[in-house]
Amino acid sequence: MVNFKNTTFKNSIYTIIIQSFIELILFCNNILFARFLSIKMYGQYQYGVSVATIIGLVATLGAGGGLLSKYWGQSDYFGFKKKQRTFFVYNWFWNKGVVFLSLFSFCLFLLYFYFQFISFITFYTLLLSFAFFQINLLVAFFIAQKKVIFGNALQLIFQLLIFIWIGIIKLIDIKNANIIFCGLVLLLIAYSFLIHCTQLKKYGLKKITPSKDNISFVLLQWGGIICAYADLILLKYFLLIRI
């Protein structure tokens, strides 16, 4: 017999419900963008978002794949001290990820402004990797504390903000694609950074370096990401059109 009062069971049900809403809103966002943009622009948008998703995962250096949960489980501290020290590890991952993404953004700048290898839509959407990275890391931090529902809620709000932004575009009748995509990038980065700052204010700036035996775990996660998205990574090099 199912115990409906079991915390794990209830969290699982809530997670399924929230994830269903996330997928529904994501589907609606894609439909609305497809109706709003031309076929070529929509393809550029989807390509940029897909690659930004990959980069956002890679930039977490394994924290989004369970390393923060591993540290939480191995910690000998309790209560606030345990949360704080886990956040100090989070800070280490955040700093390394920002450096990685800054180098990635510099390469993007060269590809767009110097080599003109990518379109402006792809350029803007690739910058969403900052927002994806921060959300992935924050979700990992809350899941490590067993706050699965809160972590999923952050992702739900993330998709809702995209939906609201599309509504604003339609309401005001904005036609300038630069404003549309630049505004979207700034909105999502601002949201994820605001959540990061609230946690930073609560726990502090100190960093704790995770153990070096996690390197194999990171490489394994990266290998999984590359294998899962290999077709997308190679797509650019087999297409003759500019995306």
C-alpha atoms as a PDB file:
ATOM      1  CA  MET A   1       0.000   0.000   0.000  1.00  0.00           C
ATOM      2  CA  VAL A   2       1.297   3.463  -0.931  1.00  0.00           C
ATOM      3  CA  ASN A   3       2.067   5.727   2.010  1.00  0.00           C
ATOM      4  CA  PHE A   4       0.882   9.189   0.899  1.00  0.00           C
ATOM      5  CA  LYS A   5       2.392  10.761   4.013  1.00  0.00           C
ATOM      6  CA  ASN A   6       5.895   9.627   3.052  1.00  0.00           C
ATOM      7  CA  THR A   7       8.062  12.701   2.344  1.00  0.00           C
ATOM      8  CA  THR A   8      10.024  11.046  -0.461  1.00  0.00           C
ATOM      9  CA  PHE A   9       6.811   9.930  -2.171  1.00  0.00           C
ATOM     10  CA  LYS A  10       5.253  13.392  -1.896  1.00  0.00           C
ATOM     11  CA  ASN A  11       8.405  15.057  -3.236  1.00  0.00           C
ATOM     12  CA  SER A  12       8.405  12.633  -6.166  1.00  0.00           C
ATOM     13  CA  ILE A  13       4.784  13.484  -7.002  1.00  0.00           C
ATOM     14  CA  TYR A  14       5.416  17.225  -6.728  1.00  0.00           C
ATOM     15  CA  THR A  15       8.531  16.859  -8.880  1.00  0.00           C
ATOM     16  CA  ILE A  16       6.575  15.028 -11.593  1.00  0.00           C
ATOM     17  CA  ILE A  17       3.873  17.711 -11.537  1.00  0.00           C
ATOM     18  CA  ILE A  18       6.349  20.620 -11.708  1.00  0.00           C
ATOM     19  CA  GLN A  19       8.433  18.936 -14.412  1.00  0.00           C
ATOM     20  CA  SER A  20       5.235  18.365 -16.412  1.00  0.00           C
ATOM     21  CA  PHE A  21       4.434  22.071 -16.168  1.00  0.00           C
ATOM     22  CA  ILE A  22       8.008  22.919 -17.218  1.00  0.00           C
ATOM     23  CA  GLU A  23       7.725  20.710 -20.305  1.00  0.00           C
ATOM     24  CA  LEU A  24       4.306  22.184 -21.130  1.00  0.00           C
ATOM     25  CA  ILE A  25       5.554  25.779 -20.887  1.00  0.00           C
ATOM     26  CA  LEU A  26       8.688  24.875 -22.856  1.00  0.00           C
ATOM     27  CA  PHE A  27       6.478  23.400 -25.578  1.00  0.00           C
ATOM     28  CA  CYS A  28       4.310  26.553 -25.619  1.00  0.00           C
ATOM     29  CA  ASN A  29       7.408  28.777 -25.781  1.00  0.00           C
ATOM     30  CA  ASN A  30       8.742  26.851 -28.779  1.00  0.00           C
ATOM     31  CA  ILE A  31       5.365  27.042 -30.552  1.00  0.00           C
ATOM     32  CA  LEU A  32       5.102  30.788 -29.942  1.00  0.00           C
ATOM     33  CA  PHE A  33       8.656  31.432 -31.143  1.00  0.00           C
ATOM     34  CA  ALA A  34       8.012  29.264 -34.209  1.00  0.00           C
ATOM     35  CA  ARG A  35       4.944  31.371 -35.067  1.00  0.00           C
ATOM     36  CA  PHE A  36       6.717  34.636 -34.333  1.00  0.00           C
ATOM     37  CA  LEU A  37      10.017  33.996 -36.166  1.00  0.00           C
ATOM     38  CA  SER A  38      10.834  33.013 -39.718  1.00  0.00           C
ATOM     39  CA  ILE A  39      11.932  29.406 -40.363  1.00  0.00           C
ATOM     40  CA  LYS A  40      15.590  30.421 -40.643  1.00  0.00           C
ATOM     41  CA  MET A  41      15.513  32.596 -37.501  1.00  0.00           C
ATOM     42  CA  TYR A  42      13.757  29.867 -35.515  1.00  0.00           C
ATOM     43  CA  GLY A  43      16.406  27.349 -36.595  1.00  0.00           C
ATOM     44  CA  GLN A  44      19.157  29.745 -35.486  1.00  0.00           C
ATOM     45  CA  TYR A  45      17.382  30.273 -32.160  1.00  0.00           C
ATOM     46  CA  GLN A  46      16.971  26.535 -31.489  1.00  0.00           C
ATOM     47  CA  TYR A  47      20.575  25.805 -32.443  1.00  0.00           C
ATOM     48  CA  GLY A  48      21.860  28.538 -30.125  1.00  0.00           C
ATOM     49  CA  VAL A  49      19.675  27.420 -27.202  1.00  0.00           C
ATOM     50  CA  SER A  50      20.693  23.767 -27.649  1.00  0.00           C
ATOM     51  CA  VAL A  51      24.420  24.539 -27.682  1.00  0.00           C
ATOM     52  CA  ALA A  52      23.992  27.001 -24.766  1.00  0.00           C
ATOM     53  CA  THR A  53      22.317  24.184 -22.798  1.00  0.00           C
ATOM     54  CA  ILE A  54      25.342  21.952 -23.404  1.00  0.00           C
ATOM     55  CA  ILE A  55      27.816  24.694 -22.442  1.00  0.00           C
ATOM     56  CA  GLY A  56      25.768  25.495 -19.336  1.00  0.00           C
ATOM     57  CA  LEU A  57      26.036  21.850 -18.237  1.00  0.00           C
ATOM     58  CA  VAL A  58      29.748  21.567 -19.008  1.00  0.00           C
ATOM     59  CA  ALA A  59      30.506  24.792 -17.087  1.00  0.00           C
ATOM     60  CA  THR A  60      29.155  23.305 -13.833  1.00  0.00           C
ATOM     61  CA  LEU A  61      32.212  20.974 -13.836  1.00  0.00           C
ATOM     62  CA  GLY A  62      30.131  18.091 -12.525  1.00  0.00           C
ATOM     63  CA  ALA A  63      28.376  19.993  -9.718  1.00  0.00           C
ATOM     64  CA  GLY A  64      25.085  19.656 -11.573  1.00  0.00           C
ATOM     65  CA  GLY A  65      25.710  15.952 -11.961  1.00  0.00           C
ATOM     66  CA  GLY A  66      25.837  15.152  -8.254  1.00  0.00           C
ATOM     67  CA  LEU A  67      29.120  16.466  -6.811  1.00  0.00           C
ATOM     68  CA  LEU A  68      27.378  18.934  -4.476  1.00  0.00           C
ATOM     69  CA  SER A  69      25.051  16.171  -3.280  1.00  0.00           C
ATOM     70  CA  LYS A  70      28.116  13.968  -2.708  1.00  0.00           C
ATOM     71  CA  TYR A  71      29.769  16.676  -0.573  1.00  0.00           C
ATOM     72  CA  TRP A  72      26.530  17.212   1.369  1.00  0.00           C
ATOM     73  CA  GLY A  73      26.276  13.489   2.108  1.00  0.00           C
ATOM     74  CA  GLN A  74      29.905  13.257   3.269  1.00  0.00           C
ATOM     75  CA  SER A  75      29.802  16.389   5.436  1.00  0.00           C
ATOM     76  CA  ASP A  76      30.119  15.919   9.207  1.00  0.00           C
ATOM     77  CA  TYR A  77      28.410  19.251   9.940  1.00  0.00           C
ATOM     78  CA  PHE A  78      24.725  19.863  10.718  1.00  0.00           C
ATOM     79  CA  GLY A  79      22.115  22.553  10.191  1.00  0.00           C
ATOM     80  CA  PHE A  80      23.162  25.963   8.917  1.00  0.00           C
ATOM     81  CA  LYS A  81      26.881  25.095   9.079  1.00  0.00           C
ATOM     82  CA  LYS A  82      26.351  22.171   6.731  1.00  0.00           C
ATOM     83  CA  LYS A  83      24.425  24.343   4.256  1.00  0.00           C
ATOM     84  CA  GLN A  84      27.042  27.071   4.476  1.00  0.00           C
ATOM     85  CA  ARG A  85      29.994  24.787   3.810  1.00  0.00           C
ATOM     86  CA  THR A  86      28.172  23.161   0.897  1.00  0.00           C
ATOM     87  CA  PHE A  87      27.585  26.663  -0.480  1.00  0.00           C
ATOM     88  CA  PHE A  88      31.319  27.383  -0.133  1.00  0.00           C
ATOM     89  CA  VAL A  89      31.917  24.406  -2.447  1.00  0.00           C
ATOM     90  CA  TYR A  90      29.191  25.828  -4.708  1.00  0.00           C
ATOM     91  CA  ASN A  91      31.153  29.112  -4.760  1.00  0.00           C
ATOM     92  CA  TRP A  92      34.234  27.281  -6.037  1.00  0.00           C
ATOM     93  CA  PHE A  93      32.241  25.741  -8.891  1.00  0.00           C
ATOM     94  CA  TRP A  94      30.584  29.097  -9.617  1.00  0.00           C
ATOM     95  CA  ASN A  95      33.898  30.946  -9.890  1.00  0.00           C
ATOM     96  CA  LYS A  96      35.458  28.306 -12.150  1.00  0.00           C
ATOM     97  CA  GLY A  97      32.322  28.197 -14.285  1.00  0.00           C
ATOM     98  CA  VAL A  98      32.273  31.967 -14.776  1.00  0.00           C
ATOM     99  CA  VAL A  99      35.917  31.903 -15.913  1.00  0.00           C
ATOM    100  CA  PHE A 100      35.088  29.107 -18.371  1.00  0.00           C
ATOM    101  CA  LEU A 101      32.048  30.989 -19.705  1.00  0.00           C
ATOM    102  CA  SER A 102      34.018  34.242 -19.998  1.00  0.00           C
ATOM    103  CA  LEU A 103      36.513  32.479 -22.277  1.00  0.00           C
ATOM    104  CA  PHE A 104      33.593  30.974 -24.199  1.00  0.00           C
ATOM    105  CA  SER A 105      32.041  34.450 -24.604  1.00  0.00           C
ATOM    106  CA  PHE A 106      35.347  35.826 -25.902  1.00  0.00           C
ATOM    107  CA  CYS A 107      35.400  33.083 -28.557  1.00  0.00           C
ATOM    108  CA  LEU A 108      31.788  33.950 -29.404  1.00  0.00           C
ATOM    109  CA  PHE A 109      32.752  37.594 -29.789  1.00  0.00           C
ATOM    110  CA  LEU A 110      35.460  36.643 -32.288  1.00  0.00           C
ATOM    111  CA  LEU A 111      33.145  34.293 -34.207  1.00  0.00           C
ATOM    112  CA  TYR A 112      30.427  36.938 -34.498  1.00  0.00           C
ATOM    113  CA  PHE A 113      32.205  40.278 -34.855  1.00  0.00           C
ATOM    114  CA  TYR A 114      35.518  39.255 -36.436  1.00  0.00           C
ATOM    115  CA  PHE A 115      34.975  36.034 -38.409  1.00  0.00           C
ATOM    116  CA  GLN A 116      31.191  36.549 -38.908  1.00  0.00           C
ATOM    117  CA  PHE A 117      30.799  32.781 -38.573  1.00  0.00           C
ATOM    118  CA  ILE A 118      27.501  32.873 -36.635  1.00  0.00           C
ATOM    119  CA  SER A 119      24.347  34.980 -36.926  1.00  0.00           C
ATOM    120  CA  PHE A 120      23.342  37.577 -34.332  1.00  0.00           C
ATOM    121  CA  ILE A 121      20.481  35.346 -33.122  1.00  0.00           C
ATOM    122  CA  THR A 122      22.842  32.430 -32.507  1.00  0.00           C
ATOM    123  CA  PHE A 123      25.268  34.846 -30.817  1.00  0.00           C
ATOM    124  CA  TYR A 124      22.627  36.121 -28.368  1.00  0.00           C
ATOM    125  CA  THR A 125      21.128  32.708 -27.605  1.00  0.00           C
ATOM    126  CA  LEU A 126      24.572  31.205 -26.983  1.00  0.00           C
ATOM    127  CA  LEU A 127      25.033  33.833 -24.275  1.00  0.00           C
ATOM    128  CA  LEU A 128      22.134  32.133 -22.479  1.00  0.00           C
ATOM    129  CA  SER A 129      24.764  29.606 -21.346  1.00  0.00           C
ATOM    130  CA  PHE A 130      25.409  32.005 -18.408  1.00  0.00           C
ATOM    131  CA  ALA A 131      21.772  31.716 -17.305  1.00  0.00           C
ATOM    132  CA  PHE A 132      21.638  27.939 -17.864  1.00  0.00           C
ATOM    133  CA  PHE A 133      24.871  27.514 -15.906  1.00  0.00           C
ATOM    134  CA  GLN A 134      23.643  29.513 -12.908  1.00  0.00           C
ATOM    135  CA  ILE A 135      20.271  27.759 -12.816  1.00  0.00           C
ATOM    136  CA  ASN A 136      21.892  24.309 -13.118  1.00  0.00           C
ATOM    137  CA  LEU A 137      24.263  25.118 -10.259  1.00  0.00           C
ATOM    138  CA  LEU A 138      21.526  26.574  -8.039  1.00  0.00           C
ATOM    139  CA  VAL A 139      19.248  23.588  -8.660  1.00  0.00           C
ATOM    140  CA  ALA A 140      22.148  21.257  -7.766  1.00  0.00           C
ATOM    141  CA  PHE A 141      22.710  23.213  -4.526  1.00  0.00           C
ATOM    142  CA  PHE A 142      19.061  22.941  -3.450  1.00  0.00           C
ATOM    143  CA  ILE A 143      18.784  19.292  -4.487  1.00  0.00           C
ATOM    144  CA  ALA A 144      21.879  18.566  -2.366  1.00  0.00           C
ATOM    145  CA  GLN A 145      19.883  19.932   0.606  1.00  0.00           C
ATOM    146  CA  LYS A 146      16.918  17.690  -0.374  1.00  0.00           C
ATOM    147  CA  LYS A 147      14.952  20.777  -1.454  1.00  0.00           C
ATOM    148  CA  VAL A 148      13.982  19.147  -4.722  1.00  0.00           C
ATOM    149  CA  ILE A 149      10.679  21.007  -5.078  1.00  0.00           C
ATOM    150  CA  PHE A 150      12.349  24.403  -4.654  1.00  0.00           C
ATOM    151  CA  GLY A 151      15.003  23.487  -7.216  1.00  0.00           C
ATOM    152  CA  ASN A 152      12.357  22.446  -9.732  1.00  0.00           C
ATOM    153  CA  ALA A 153      10.399  25.630  -8.996  1.00  0.00           C
ATOM    154  CA  LEU A 154      13.433  27.705 -10.058  1.00  0.00           C
ATOM    155  CA  GLN A 155      13.386  25.958 -13.441  1.00  0.00           C
ATOM    156  CA  LEU A 156       9.630  26.500 -13.729  1.00  0.00           C
ATOM    157  CA  ILE A 157       9.994  30.252 -13.125  1.00  0.00           C
ATOM    158  CA  PHE A 158      12.822  30.300 -15.671  1.00  0.00           C
ATOM    159  CA  GLN A 159      10.478  28.974 -18.387  1.00  0.00           C
ATOM    160  CA  LEU A 160       7.644  31.231 -17.214  1.00  0.00           C
ATOM    161  CA  LEU A 161       9.864  34.279 -17.673  1.00  0.00           C
ATOM    162  CA  ILE A 162      10.463  33.287 -21.302  1.00  0.00           C
ATOM    163  CA  PHE A 163       6.702  32.895 -21.753  1.00  0.00           C
ATOM    164  CA  ILE A 164       6.058  36.320 -20.186  1.00  0.00           C
ATOM    165  CA  TRP A 165       8.758  37.915 -22.357  1.00  0.00           C
ATOM    166  CA  ILE A 166       7.111  36.517 -25.494  1.00  0.00           C
ATOM    167  CA  GLY A 167       3.792  37.959 -24.262  1.00  0.00           C
ATOM    168  CA  ILE A 168       5.384  41.388 -23.776  1.00  0.00           C
ATOM    169  CA  ILE A 169       6.844  41.207 -27.294  1.00  0.00           C
ATOM    170  CA  LYS A 170       3.423  40.457 -28.765  1.00  0.00           C
ATOM    171  CA  LEU A 171       1.661  43.048 -26.608  1.00  0.00           C
ATOM    172  CA  ILE A 172       4.021  45.925 -27.433  1.00  0.00           C
ATOM    173  CA  ASP A 173       4.494  44.576 -30.966  1.00  0.00           C
ATOM    174  CA  ILE A 174       8.298  44.630 -30.923  1.00  0.00           C
ATOM    175  CA  LYS A 175       9.719  43.802 -34.348  1.00  0.00           C
ATOM    176  CA  ASN A 176      13.423  44.434 -33.781  1.00  0.00           C
ATOM    177  CA  ALA A 177      15.066  40.999 -33.391  1.00  0.00           C
ATOM    178  CA  ASN A 178      18.087  42.508 -31.602  1.00  0.00           C
ATOM    179  CA  ILE A 179      15.836  43.909 -28.863  1.00  0.00           C
ATOM    180  CA  ILE A 180      13.890  40.639 -28.623  1.00  0.00           C
ATOM    181  CA  PHE A 181      16.878  38.344 -28.110  1.00  0.00           C
ATOM    182  CA  CYS A 182      19.093  40.762 -26.199  1.00  0.00           C
ATOM    183  CA  GLY A 183      16.179  41.425 -23.812  1.00  0.00           C
ATOM    184  CA  LEU A 184      15.582  37.696 -23.359  1.00  0.00           C
ATOM    185  CA  VAL A 185      19.245  37.060 -22.529  1.00  0.00           C
ATOM    186  CA  LEU A 186      19.423  39.949 -20.049  1.00  0.00           C
ATOM    187  CA  LEU A 187      16.152  38.925 -18.372  1.00  0.00           C
ATOM    188  CA  LEU A 188      17.205  35.305 -17.771  1.00  0.00           C
ATOM    189  CA  ILE A 189      20.748  36.161 -16.688  1.00  0.00           C
ATOM    190  CA  ALA A 190      19.384  38.806 -14.288  1.00  0.00           C
ATOM    191  CA  TYR A 191      16.898  36.313 -12.793  1.00  0.00           C
ATOM    192  CA  SER A 192      19.474  33.573 -12.225  1.00  0.00           C
ATOM    193  CA  PHE A 193      22.051  36.053 -10.886  1.00  0.00           C
ATOM    194  CA  LEU A 194      19.494  37.550  -8.481  1.00  0.00           C
ATOM    195  CA  ILE A 195      18.835  34.103  -6.960  1.00  0.00           C
ATOM    196  CA  HIS A 196      22.594  33.553  -6.743  1.00  0.00           C
ATOM    197  CA  CYS A 197      23.052  36.876  -4.902  1.00  0.00           C
ATOM    198  CA  THR A 198      20.343  36.041  -2.342  1.00  0.00           C
ATOM    199  CA  GLN A 199      22.212  32.844  -1.451  1.00  0.00           C
ATOM    200  CA  LEU A 200      25.528  34.688  -1.471  1.00  0.00           C
ATOM    201  CA  LYS A 201      24.171  37.198   1.037  1.00  0.00           C
ATOM    202  CA  LYS A 202      22.917  34.374   3.239  1.00  0.00           C
ATOM    203  CA  TYR A 203      26.005  32.139   3.270  1.00  0.00           C
ATOM    204  CA  GLY A 204      29.015  34.286   2.296  1.00  0.00           C
ATOM    205  CA  LEU A 205      31.778  34.512  -0.312  1.00  0.00           C
ATOM    206  CA  LYS A 206      34.232  31.928   0.991  1.00  0.00           C
ATOM    207  CA  LYS A 207      35.251  29.047  -1.308  1.00  0.00           C
ATOM    208  CA  ILE A 208      36.119  25.432  -0.497  1.00  0.00           C
ATOM    209  CA  THR A 209      37.956  23.386  -3.123  1.00  0.00           C
ATOM    210  CA  PRO A 210      36.363  19.957  -3.671  1.00  0.00           C
ATOM    211  CA  SER A 211      38.520  16.829  -3.557  1.00  0.00           C
ATOM    212  CA  LYS A 212      40.605  16.050  -6.653  1.00  0.00           C
ATOM    213  CA  ASP A 213      39.204  12.532  -6.949  1.00  0.00           C
ATOM    214  CA  ASN A 214      36.144  14.138  -8.556  1.00  0.00           C
ATOM    215  CA  ILE A 215      38.040  14.766 -11.816  1.00  0.00           C
ATOM    216  CA  SER A 216      37.146  11.321 -13.167  1.00  0.00           C
ATOM    217  CA  PHE A 217      33.490  12.011 -12.381  1.00  0.00           C
ATOM    218  CA  VAL A 218      33.635  15.322 -14.293  1.00  0.00           C
ATOM    219  CA  LEU A 219      35.288  13.695 -17.313  1.00  0.00           C
ATOM    220  CA  LEU A 220      32.661  10.960 -17.285  1.00  0.00           C
ATOM    221  CA  GLN A 221      29.862  13.547 -17.239  1.00  0.00           C
ATOM    222  CA  TRP A 222      31.461  15.538 -20.062  1.00  0.00           C
ATOM    223  CA  GLY A 223      31.846  12.357 -22.089  1.00  0.00           C
ATOM    224  CA  GLY A 224      28.154  11.608 -21.599  1.00  0.00           C
ATOM    225  CA  ILE A 225      27.180  15.113 -22.706  1.00  0.00           C
ATOM    226  CA  ILE A 226      29.374  14.942 -25.817  1.00  0.00           C
ATOM    227  CA  CYS A 227      27.964  11.535 -26.785  1.00  0.00           C
ATOM    228  CA  ALA A 228      24.377  12.687 -26.198  1.00  0.00           C
ATOM    229  CA  TYR A 229      24.785  15.861 -28.268  1.00  0.00           C
ATOM    230  CA  ALA A 230      27.431  14.760 -30.793  1.00  0.00           C
ATOM    231  CA  ASP A 231      25.030  15.208 -33.713  1.00  0.00           C
ATOM    232  CA  LEU A 232      24.277  18.780 -32.668  1.00  0.00           C
ATOM    233  CA  ILE A 233      27.942  19.661 -32.124  1.00  0.00           C
ATOM    234  CA  LEU A 234      28.854  18.387 -35.608  1.00  0.00           C
ATOM    235  CA  LEU A 235      25.808  19.919 -37.295  1.00  0.00           C
ATOM    236  CA  LYS A 236      27.463  23.299 -37.777  1.00  0.00           C
ATOM    237  CA  TYR A 237      30.371  21.805 -39.665  1.00  0.00           C
ATOM    238  CA  PHE A 238      28.235  19.822 -42.095  1.00  0.00           C
ATOM    239  CA  LEU A 239      25.854  22.624 -42.993  1.00  0.00           C
ATOM    240  CA  LEU A 240      26.693  25.078 -45.721  1.00  0.00           C
ATOM    241  CA  ILE A 241      24.227  27.687 -44.474  1.00  0.00           C
ATOM    242  CA  ARG A 242      25.222  30.342 -41.944  1.00  0.00           C
ATOM    243  CA  ILE A 243      23.550  29.679 -38.592  1.00  0.00           C
END
